[in-house]
Amino acid sequence: MQRIIISEWRVGDWTVQANVRNIFNARYFPTASLTRTTPGEPRTFMISLDRRF
C-alpha cells in the first residue's frame, strides 16, 4: 500500500509531516505462496518531526 502525505508544515529548519498508509483500510496480502499468506498492515497514521542542519 502506498503512503499518502496528508499535510506537511515547514518552519525554519523543522518539518512536521502527517501521513497515512492504507487510507481505505483495504484487506490485502502483499506476499503469498502455496503454504503461507501474509496479511498487509491495517490503516496506519503517522506523524513525523524532522530537523535539517
N, C-alpha and C. Protein backbone atom coordinates (compact mmCIF):
# COMPACT_ATOMS: atom_id res chain seq x y z
N MET A 1 0.84 -1.18 0.00
CA MET A 1 0.00 0.00 0.00
C MET A 1 0.88 1.24 0.00
N GLN A 2 0.39 2.24 -0.61
CA GLN A 2 1.16 3.47 -0.69
C GLN A 2 0.96 4.33 0.54
N ARG A 3 1.96 5.13 0.81
CA ARG A 3 1.86 6.11 1.89
C ARG A 3 1.37 7.41 1.26
N ILE A 4 0.40 8.03 1.89
CA ILE A 4 -0.15 9.28 1.41
C ILE A 4 0.21 10.38 2.40
N ILE A 5 0.82 11.45 1.90
CA ILE A 5 1.13 12.60 2.75
C ILE A 5 -0.12 13.46 2.85
N ILE A 6 -0.65 13.57 4.06
CA ILE A 6 -1.85 14.35 4.27
C ILE A 6 -1.51 15.83 4.39
N SER A 7 -0.46 16.12 5.13
CA SER A 7 -0.10 17.51 5.34
C SER A 7 1.37 17.61 5.70
N GLU A 8 1.97 18.74 5.35
CA GLU A 8 3.37 18.98 5.69
C GLU A 8 3.55 20.46 6.00
N TRP A 9 4.22 20.75 7.10
CA TRP A 9 4.49 22.12 7.51
C TRP A 9 5.99 22.29 7.65
N ARG A 10 6.51 23.41 7.15
CA ARG A 10 7.94 23.72 7.29
C ARG A 10 8.09 25.06 7.99
N VAL A 11 8.89 25.06 9.04
CA VAL A 11 9.19 26.28 9.79
C VAL A 11 10.69 26.28 10.05
N GLY A 12 11.40 27.16 9.37
CA GLY A 12 12.86 27.21 9.53
C GLY A 12 13.49 25.88 9.15
N ASP A 13 14.25 25.30 10.07
CA ASP A 13 14.92 24.01 9.84
C ASP A 13 14.01 22.82 10.10
N TRP A 14 12.82 23.04 10.60
CA TRP A 14 11.92 21.97 11.05
C TRP A 14 10.85 21.65 10.01
N THR A 15 10.51 20.36 9.92
CA THR A 15 9.41 19.90 9.07
C THR A 15 8.55 18.95 9.90
N VAL A 16 7.25 19.18 9.89
CA VAL A 16 6.29 18.28 10.53
C VAL A 16 5.43 17.70 9.42
N GLN A 17 5.24 16.38 9.43
CA GLN A 17 4.50 15.73 8.36
C GLN A 17 3.51 14.73 8.94
N ALA A 18 2.28 14.73 8.41
CA ALA A 18 1.26 13.76 8.79
C ALA A 18 1.02 12.84 7.59
N ASN A 19 1.07 11.52 7.82
CA ASN A 19 0.92 10.53 6.75
C ASN A 19 -0.09 9.47 7.15
N VAL A 20 -0.59 8.77 6.14
CA VAL A 20 -1.45 7.61 6.39
C VAL A 20 -1.11 6.54 5.36
N ARG A 21 -1.09 5.29 5.80
CA ARG A 21 -0.92 4.14 4.91
C ARG A 21 -2.23 3.38 4.90
N ASN A 22 -2.57 2.82 3.75
CA ASN A 22 -3.80 2.04 3.58
C ASN A 22 -5.00 2.87 4.02
N ILE A 23 -5.16 4.02 3.40
CA ILE A 23 -6.16 5.01 3.82
C ILE A 23 -7.59 4.44 3.84
N PHE A 24 -7.90 3.49 2.96
CA PHE A 24 -9.25 2.92 2.92
C PHE A 24 -9.37 1.65 3.76
N ASN A 25 -8.32 1.31 4.49
CA ASN A 25 -8.29 0.13 5.35
C ASN A 25 -8.65 -1.15 4.57
N ALA A 26 -8.11 -1.24 3.35
CA ALA A 26 -8.38 -2.39 2.49
C ALA A 26 -7.65 -3.63 3.02
N ARG A 27 -8.28 -4.77 2.85
CA ARG A 27 -7.64 -6.04 3.23
C ARG A 27 -6.84 -6.52 2.02
N TYR A 28 -5.55 -6.77 2.21
CA TYR A 28 -4.70 -7.19 1.10
C TYR A 28 -3.60 -8.10 1.61
N PHE A 29 -2.98 -8.81 0.69
CA PHE A 29 -1.94 -9.78 1.02
C PHE A 29 -0.73 -9.49 0.13
N PRO A 30 0.27 -8.75 0.64
CA PRO A 30 1.41 -8.37 -0.19
C PRO A 30 2.30 -9.55 -0.59
N THR A 31 2.32 -10.61 0.21
CA THR A 31 3.09 -11.80 -0.15
C THR A 31 2.24 -13.03 0.08
N ALA A 32 2.34 -13.96 -0.85
CA ALA A 32 1.58 -15.21 -0.72
C ALA A 32 2.32 -16.30 -1.49
N SER A 33 2.20 -17.51 -0.98
CA SER A 33 2.76 -18.68 -1.66
C SER A 33 1.79 -19.83 -1.45
N LEU A 34 2.17 -21.02 -1.84
CA LEU A 34 1.28 -22.17 -1.67
C LEU A 34 1.08 -22.52 -0.20
N THR A 35 2.05 -22.21 0.64
CA THR A 35 1.96 -22.61 2.05
C THR A 35 1.83 -21.46 3.04
N ARG A 36 1.99 -20.24 2.58
CA ARG A 36 1.96 -19.11 3.52
C ARG A 36 1.35 -17.87 2.86
N THR A 37 0.54 -17.18 3.62
CA THR A 37 -0.03 -15.90 3.18
C THR A 37 0.18 -14.88 4.29
N THR A 38 0.69 -13.73 3.93
CA THR A 38 0.96 -12.69 4.91
C THR A 38 -0.01 -11.53 4.69
N PRO A 39 -0.82 -11.21 5.69
CA PRO A 39 -1.73 -10.07 5.52
C PRO A 39 -0.98 -8.75 5.56
N GLY A 40 -1.51 -7.76 4.85
CA GLY A 40 -0.92 -6.43 4.86
C GLY A 40 -1.30 -5.66 6.11
N GLU A 41 -0.61 -4.57 6.34
CA GLU A 41 -0.87 -3.79 7.54
C GLU A 41 -2.21 -3.05 7.43
N PRO A 42 -2.87 -2.82 8.55
CA PRO A 42 -4.13 -2.07 8.54
C PRO A 42 -3.85 -0.58 8.35
N ARG A 43 -4.90 0.21 8.35
CA ARG A 43 -4.75 1.67 8.25
C ARG A 43 -3.80 2.13 9.35
N THR A 44 -2.82 2.92 8.97
CA THR A 44 -1.80 3.37 9.91
C THR A 44 -1.60 4.88 9.75
N PHE A 45 -1.69 5.60 10.86
CA PHE A 45 -1.45 7.05 10.86
C PHE A 45 -0.08 7.31 11.45
N MET A 46 0.65 8.27 10.88
CA MET A 46 1.99 8.60 11.36
C MET A 46 2.17 10.11 11.39
N ILE A 47 2.93 10.57 12.35
CA ILE A 47 3.34 11.97 12.42
C ILE A 47 4.85 11.97 12.59
N SER A 48 5.54 12.76 11.79
CA SER A 48 7.00 12.82 11.92
C SER A 48 7.46 14.26 12.11
N LEU A 49 8.55 14.40 12.83
CA LEU A 49 9.18 15.69 13.08
C LEU A 49 10.63 15.55 12.63
N ASP A 50 11.06 16.43 11.74
CA ASP A 50 12.38 16.33 11.14
C ASP A 50 13.08 17.68 11.23
N ARG A 51 14.37 17.65 11.53
CA ARG A 51 15.15 18.89 11.56
C ARG A 51 16.39 18.72 10.70
N ARG A 52 16.61 19.65 9.81
CA ARG A 52 17.78 19.62 8.93
C ARG A 52 18.73 20.74 9.32
N PHE A 53 20.01 20.39 9.42
CA PHE A 53 21.01 21.40 9.75
C PHE A 53 22.32 21.08 9.08
